[in-house]
């Protein structure tokens, strides 16, 4: 019989899976909660669930970002009853472009870019992806592009908020004993 204490690699893999499942569950909860909040204008959301995607990216890597993002979108849309609706298409397209851009930024500039920078890039991609799909599928009128500056301004603000929150979350998680090996690999100073 094997003990978990004797297999530190197995224990670490189990912990990673548990934390990734928690990231997904919390992202779905935040996605659902945020959908219930009143919006000043359509499609304007802060993107609180992106905080968990960013944490997954910086702790586990690009694959984890994709898993958290699309599990959140699919499960959250299923819970809200919007699966395959126009709202789902907007969320999915924005999430796809944002995740692609965040992955590229992380891969290309990893030592030089942090959660705030990646979040800003993702927020701008999300707003652009949503507006593009809205123009292609919902509102086929060129004046929709007049909203782009407002979307990008709101994306910068929400991206900054999400990035700062994600940076705080990552720093807090790296203090947890479950992330000791990762903390040593990353070389981040954690109190």
C-alpha atoms as a PDB file:
ATOM      1  CA  UNK A   1       0.000   0.000   0.000  1.00  0.00           C
ATOM      2  CA  UNK A   2       1.323   3.409  -0.932  1.00  0.00           C
ATOM      3  CA  UNK A   3       1.094   6.396   1.350  1.00  0.00           C
ATOM      4  CA  UNK A   4       0.465   9.868   0.011  1.00  0.00           C
ATOM      5  CA  UNK A   5       3.305  11.098   2.201  1.00  0.00           C
ATOM      6  CA  UNK A   6       5.643   8.700   0.381  1.00  0.00           C
ATOM      7  CA  UNK A   7       4.547  10.018  -3.042  1.00  0.00           C
ATOM      8  CA  UNK A   8       5.023  13.789  -2.982  1.00  0.00           C
ATOM      9  CA  UNK A   9       4.621  14.022  -6.764  1.00  0.00           C
ATOM     10  CA  UNK A  10       1.229  12.289  -6.591  1.00  0.00           C
ATOM     11  CA  UNK A  11       0.181  14.507  -3.702  1.00  0.00           C
ATOM     12  CA  UNK A  12       1.147  17.610  -5.650  1.00  0.00           C
ATOM     13  CA  UNK A  13      -0.812  16.463  -8.717  1.00  0.00           C
ATOM     14  CA  UNK A  14      -3.903  15.840  -6.580  1.00  0.00           C
ATOM     15  CA  UNK A  15      -3.559  19.264  -4.991  1.00  0.00           C
ATOM     16  CA  UNK A  16      -3.218  20.882  -8.421  1.00  0.00           C
ATOM     17  CA  UNK A  17      -6.375  19.175  -9.642  1.00  0.00           C
ATOM     18  CA  UNK A  18      -8.287  20.167  -6.520  1.00  0.00           C
ATOM     19  CA  UNK A  19      -7.228  23.798  -6.785  1.00  0.00           C
ATOM     20  CA  UNK A  20      -8.009  23.870 -10.505  1.00  0.00           C
ATOM     21  CA  UNK A  21     -11.478  22.460  -9.774  1.00  0.00           C
ATOM     22  CA  UNK A  22     -11.924  25.153  -7.121  1.00  0.00           C
ATOM     23  CA  UNK A  23     -10.863  27.824  -9.618  1.00  0.00           C
ATOM     24  CA  UNK A  24     -13.498  26.546 -12.064  1.00  0.00           C
ATOM     25  CA  UNK A  25     -16.215  26.398  -9.409  1.00  0.00           C
ATOM     26  CA  UNK A  26     -15.444  29.908  -8.150  1.00  0.00           C
ATOM     27  CA  UNK A  27     -15.256  31.244 -11.707  1.00  0.00           C
ATOM     28  CA  UNK A  28     -18.687  29.771 -12.489  1.00  0.00           C
ATOM     29  CA  UNK A  29     -20.079  31.269  -9.272  1.00  0.00           C
ATOM     30  CA  UNK A  30     -18.649  34.718 -10.071  1.00  0.00           C
ATOM     31  CA  UNK A  31     -19.840  34.494 -13.688  1.00  0.00           C
ATOM     32  CA  UNK A  32     -23.360  33.645 -12.511  1.00  0.00           C
ATOM     33  CA  UNK A  33     -23.352  36.270  -9.753  1.00  0.00           C
ATOM     34  CA  UNK A  34     -22.160  38.988 -12.106  1.00  0.00           C
ATOM     35  CA  UNK A  35     -24.890  38.122 -14.625  1.00  0.00           C
ATOM     36  CA  UNK A  36     -27.473  38.809 -11.930  1.00  0.00           C
ATOM     37  CA  UNK A  37     -26.125  42.297 -11.199  1.00  0.00           C
ATOM     38  CA  UNK A  38     -27.774  45.255 -12.954  1.00  0.00           C
ATOM     39  CA  UNK A  39     -25.849  46.610 -15.950  1.00  0.00           C
ATOM     40  CA  UNK A  40     -25.705  50.247 -17.016  1.00  0.00           C
ATOM     41  CA  UNK A  41     -25.462  49.156 -20.666  1.00  0.00           C
ATOM     42  CA  UNK A  42     -25.657  45.817 -22.468  1.00  0.00           C
ATOM     43  CA  UNK A  43     -22.478  43.735 -22.536  1.00  0.00           C
ATOM     44  CA  UNK A  44     -20.768  45.806 -19.809  1.00  0.00           C
ATOM     45  CA  UNK A  45     -19.512  43.417 -17.166  1.00  0.00           C
ATOM     46  CA  UNK A  46     -16.532  43.801 -14.881  1.00  0.00           C
ATOM     47  CA  UNK A  47     -15.271  40.289 -15.596  1.00  0.00           C
ATOM     48  CA  UNK A  48     -14.753  39.100 -12.038  1.00  0.00           C
ATOM     49  CA  UNK A  49     -14.523  35.468 -13.140  1.00  0.00           C
ATOM     50  CA  UNK A  50     -11.449  36.366 -15.185  1.00  0.00           C
ATOM     51  CA  UNK A  51      -9.569  36.746 -11.894  1.00  0.00           C
ATOM     52  CA  UNK A  52      -9.620  32.961 -11.488  1.00  0.00           C
ATOM     53  CA  UNK A  53      -8.535  32.415 -15.087  1.00  0.00           C
ATOM     54  CA  UNK A  54      -5.567  34.713 -14.567  1.00  0.00           C
ATOM     55  CA  UNK A  55      -4.629  32.956 -11.346  1.00  0.00           C
ATOM     56  CA  UNK A  56      -4.790  29.598 -13.137  1.00  0.00           C
ATOM     57  CA  UNK A  57      -2.609  30.974 -15.936  1.00  0.00           C
ATOM     58  CA  UNK A  58       0.110  32.259 -13.642  1.00  0.00           C
ATOM     59  CA  UNK A  59       0.046  29.254 -11.318  1.00  0.00           C
ATOM     60  CA  UNK A  60      -0.531  26.329 -13.713  1.00  0.00           C
ATOM     61  CA  UNK A  61       0.031  27.660 -17.227  1.00  0.00           C
ATOM     62  CA  UNK A  62      -1.785  28.313 -20.487  1.00  0.00           C
ATOM     63  CA  UNK A  63      -3.743  25.059 -20.582  1.00  0.00           C
ATOM     64  CA  UNK A  64      -5.314  25.836 -17.194  1.00  0.00           C
ATOM     65  CA  UNK A  65      -6.424  29.262 -18.440  1.00  0.00           C
ATOM     66  CA  UNK A  66      -8.286  27.644 -21.354  1.00  0.00           C
ATOM     67  CA  UNK A  67      -9.882  25.051 -19.066  1.00  0.00           C
ATOM     68  CA  UNK A  68     -11.080  27.596 -16.495  1.00  0.00           C
ATOM     69  CA  UNK A  69     -12.326  30.079 -19.097  1.00  0.00           C
ATOM     70  CA  UNK A  70     -14.366  27.684 -21.203  1.00  0.00           C
ATOM     71  CA  UNK A  71     -15.653  25.606 -18.300  1.00  0.00           C
ATOM     72  CA  UNK A  72     -16.852  28.872 -16.745  1.00  0.00           C
ATOM     73  CA  UNK A  73     -18.553  30.028 -19.931  1.00  0.00           C
ATOM     74  CA  UNK A  74     -20.231  26.695 -20.663  1.00  0.00           C
ATOM     75  CA  UNK A  75     -21.338  25.830 -17.133  1.00  0.00           C
ATOM     76  CA  UNK A  76     -22.280  29.429 -16.306  1.00  0.00           C
ATOM     77  CA  UNK A  77     -24.401  29.702 -19.461  1.00  0.00           C
ATOM     78  CA  UNK A  78     -26.025  26.375 -18.687  1.00  0.00           C
ATOM     79  CA  UNK A  79     -26.916  27.553 -15.167  1.00  0.00           C
ATOM     80  CA  UNK A  80     -28.238  30.894 -16.427  1.00  0.00           C
ATOM     81  CA  UNK A  81     -30.247  29.260 -19.206  1.00  0.00           C
ATOM     82  CA  UNK A  82     -28.421  31.163 -21.945  1.00  0.00           C
ATOM     83  CA  UNK A  83     -26.561  28.269 -23.566  1.00  0.00           C
ATOM     84  CA  UNK A  84     -26.402  28.835 -27.377  1.00  0.00           C
ATOM     85  CA  UNK A  85     -28.273  32.138 -27.071  1.00  0.00           C
ATOM     86  CA  UNK A  86     -26.908  35.455 -28.402  1.00  0.00           C
ATOM     87  CA  UNK A  87     -25.601  36.203 -24.884  1.00  0.00           C
ATOM     88  CA  UNK A  88     -23.698  32.904 -24.954  1.00  0.00           C
ATOM     89  CA  UNK A  89     -22.252  33.674 -28.391  1.00  0.00           C
ATOM     90  CA  UNK A  90     -21.070  37.062 -27.182  1.00  0.00           C
ATOM     91  CA  UNK A  91     -19.529  35.576 -24.046  1.00  0.00           C
ATOM     92  CA  UNK A  92     -17.934  32.708 -25.962  1.00  0.00           C
ATOM     93  CA  UNK A  93     -16.475  34.902 -28.707  1.00  0.00           C
ATOM     94  CA  UNK A  94     -15.141  37.439 -26.238  1.00  0.00           C
ATOM     95  CA  UNK A  95     -13.708  34.663 -24.090  1.00  0.00           C
ATOM     96  CA  UNK A  96     -12.104  32.984 -27.099  1.00  0.00           C
ATOM     97  CA  UNK A  97     -10.326  36.114 -28.307  1.00  0.00           C
ATOM     98  CA  UNK A  98      -9.374  37.186 -24.779  1.00  0.00           C
ATOM     99  CA  UNK A  99      -7.974  33.754 -23.912  1.00  0.00           C
ATOM    100  CA  UNK A 100      -6.049  33.577 -27.166  1.00  0.00           C
ATOM    101  CA  UNK A 101      -4.498  37.006 -26.623  1.00  0.00           C
ATOM    102  CA  UNK A 102      -3.721  36.344 -22.952  1.00  0.00           C
ATOM    103  CA  UNK A 103      -2.086  33.027 -23.866  1.00  0.00           C
ATOM    104  CA  UNK A 104       0.051  34.690 -26.529  1.00  0.00           C
ATOM    105  CA  UNK A 105       1.054  37.540 -24.223  1.00  0.00           C
ATOM    106  CA  UNK A 106       1.964  35.099 -21.446  1.00  0.00           C
ATOM    107  CA  UNK A 107       3.915  32.860 -23.828  1.00  0.00           C
ATOM    108  CA  UNK A 108       5.782  35.686 -25.560  1.00  0.00           C
ATOM    109  CA  UNK A 109       6.488  38.019 -22.657  1.00  0.00           C
ATOM    110  CA  UNK A 110       6.323  35.779 -19.566  1.00  0.00           C
ATOM    111  CA  UNK A 111       9.177  37.218 -17.553  1.00  0.00           C
ATOM    112  CA  UNK A 112       8.242  40.794 -18.449  1.00  0.00           C
ATOM    113  CA  UNK A 113       4.455  40.765 -18.099  1.00  0.00           C
ATOM    114  CA  UNK A 114       2.384  40.231 -14.976  1.00  0.00           C
ATOM    115  CA  UNK A 115      -1.283  39.599 -14.235  1.00  0.00           C
ATOM    116  CA  UNK A 116      -2.266  43.242 -14.743  1.00  0.00           C
ATOM    117  CA  UNK A 117      -0.722  43.427 -18.226  1.00  0.00           C
ATOM    118  CA  UNK A 118      -2.188  40.091 -19.287  1.00  0.00           C
ATOM    119  CA  UNK A 119      -5.572  41.112 -17.887  1.00  0.00           C
ATOM    120  CA  UNK A 120      -5.541  44.393 -19.814  1.00  0.00           C
ATOM    121  CA  UNK A 121      -4.771  42.563 -23.058  1.00  0.00           C
ATOM    122  CA  UNK A 122      -7.508  40.032 -22.332  1.00  0.00           C
ATOM    123  CA  UNK A 123     -10.074  42.700 -21.482  1.00  0.00           C
ATOM    124  CA  UNK A 124      -9.386  44.583 -24.717  1.00  0.00           C
ATOM    125  CA  UNK A 125      -9.638  41.306 -26.655  1.00  0.00           C
ATOM    126  CA  UNK A 126     -12.874  40.368 -24.911  1.00  0.00           C
ATOM    127  CA  UNK A 127     -14.530  43.693 -25.727  1.00  0.00           C
ATOM    128  CA  UNK A 128     -13.334  43.544 -29.345  1.00  0.00           C
ATOM    129  CA  UNK A 129     -14.475  39.940 -29.788  1.00  0.00           C
ATOM    130  CA  UNK A 130     -17.916  40.686 -28.406  1.00  0.00           C
ATOM    131  CA  UNK A 131     -18.380  43.738 -30.573  1.00  0.00           C
ATOM    132  CA  UNK A 132     -17.241  41.844 -33.680  1.00  0.00           C
ATOM    133  CA  UNK A 133     -19.730  39.004 -33.077  1.00  0.00           C
ATOM    134  CA  UNK A 134     -22.470  41.502 -32.221  1.00  0.00           C
ATOM    135  CA  UNK A 135     -21.824  43.204 -35.564  1.00  0.00           C
ATOM    136  CA  UNK A 136     -21.645  39.929 -37.503  1.00  0.00           C
ATOM    137  CA  UNK A 137     -24.667  38.191 -35.971  1.00  0.00           C
ATOM    138  CA  UNK A 138     -26.926  40.654 -34.180  1.00  0.00           C
ATOM    139  CA  UNK A 139     -26.624  44.286 -35.283  1.00  0.00           C
ATOM    140  CA  UNK A 140     -25.524  44.544 -38.907  1.00  0.00           C
ATOM    141  CA  UNK A 141     -25.134  48.299 -38.843  1.00  0.00           C
ATOM    142  CA  UNK A 142     -21.794  50.134 -39.116  1.00  0.00           C
ATOM    143  CA  UNK A 143     -22.707  52.574 -36.348  1.00  0.00           C
ATOM    144  CA  UNK A 144     -22.136  49.795 -33.805  1.00  0.00           C
ATOM    145  CA  UNK A 145     -18.413  50.512 -34.181  1.00  0.00           C
ATOM    146  CA  UNK A 146     -19.031  53.930 -32.649  1.00  0.00           C
ATOM    147  CA  UNK A 147     -19.371  52.070 -29.346  1.00  0.00           C
ATOM    148  CA  UNK A 148     -15.835  50.665 -29.617  1.00  0.00           C
ATOM    149  CA  UNK A 149     -14.107  53.534 -27.744  1.00  0.00           C
ATOM    150  CA  UNK A 150     -16.526  53.159 -24.818  1.00  0.00           C
ATOM    151  CA  UNK A 151     -16.060  49.402 -24.769  1.00  0.00           C
ATOM    152  CA  UNK A 152     -12.285  49.760 -24.821  1.00  0.00           C
ATOM    153  CA  UNK A 153     -12.312  52.370 -22.043  1.00  0.00           C
ATOM    154  CA  UNK A 154     -14.502  50.164 -19.870  1.00  0.00           C
ATOM    155  CA  UNK A 155     -12.285  47.184 -20.765  1.00  0.00           C
ATOM    156  CA  UNK A 156      -9.191  49.051 -19.568  1.00  0.00           C
ATOM    157  CA  UNK A 157     -10.823  49.850 -16.243  1.00  0.00           C
ATOM    158  CA  UNK A 158     -12.217  46.353 -15.689  1.00  0.00           C
ATOM    159  CA  UNK A 159      -8.966  44.764 -16.911  1.00  0.00           C
ATOM    160  CA  UNK A 160      -6.989  46.790 -14.392  1.00  0.00           C
ATOM    161  CA  UNK A 161      -9.337  45.828 -11.552  1.00  0.00           C
ATOM    162  CA  UNK A 162      -9.271  42.134 -12.487  1.00  0.00           C
ATOM    163  CA  UNK A 163      -5.498  42.136 -12.953  1.00  0.00           C
ATOM    164  CA  UNK A 164      -4.856  43.722  -9.560  1.00  0.00           C
ATOM    165  CA  UNK A 165      -7.254  41.308  -7.872  1.00  0.00           C
ATOM    166  CA  UNK A 166      -5.612  38.361  -9.642  1.00  0.00           C
ATOM    167  CA  UNK A 167      -2.145  39.520  -8.595  1.00  0.00           C
ATOM    168  CA  UNK A 168      -3.319  39.727  -4.979  1.00  0.00           C
ATOM    169  CA  UNK A 169      -4.901  36.258  -5.241  1.00  0.00           C
ATOM    170  CA  UNK A 170      -1.759  34.734  -6.754  1.00  0.00           C
ATOM    171  CA  UNK A 171       0.422  36.215  -4.021  1.00  0.00           C
ATOM    172  CA  UNK A 172      -1.965  34.877  -1.380  1.00  0.00           C
ATOM    173  CA  UNK A 173      -2.106  31.408  -2.928  1.00  0.00           C
ATOM    174  CA  UNK A 174       1.678  31.166  -3.184  1.00  0.00           C
ATOM    175  CA  UNK A 175       1.796  31.495   0.608  1.00  0.00           C
ATOM    176  CA  UNK A 176      -0.234  28.284   0.920  1.00  0.00           C
ATOM    177  CA  UNK A 177       1.790  25.111   1.668  1.00  0.00           C
ATOM    178  CA  UNK A 178       0.237  23.397  -1.342  1.00  0.00           C
ATOM    179  CA  UNK A 179       2.175  25.755  -3.606  1.00  0.00           C
ATOM    180  CA  UNK A 180       5.560  25.491  -1.862  1.00  0.00           C
ATOM    181  CA  UNK A 181       7.264  23.701  -4.749  1.00  0.00           C
ATOM    182  CA  UNK A 182       5.828  26.164  -7.255  1.00  0.00           C
ATOM    183  CA  UNK A 183       6.887  29.101  -5.096  1.00  0.00           C
ATOM    184  CA  UNK A 184      10.447  27.772  -5.101  1.00  0.00           C
ATOM    185  CA  UNK A 185      10.383  27.263  -8.876  1.00  0.00           C
ATOM    186  CA  UNK A 186       9.001  30.717  -9.603  1.00  0.00           C
ATOM    187  CA  UNK A 187      11.374  32.339  -7.151  1.00  0.00           C
ATOM    188  CA  UNK A 188       8.800  34.840  -5.953  1.00  0.00           C
ATOM    189  CA  UNK A 189       9.306  36.337  -2.565  1.00  0.00           C
ATOM    190  CA  UNK A 190       6.289  35.536  -0.466  1.00  0.00           C
ATOM    191  CA  UNK A 191       5.923  36.522   3.153  1.00  0.00           C
END
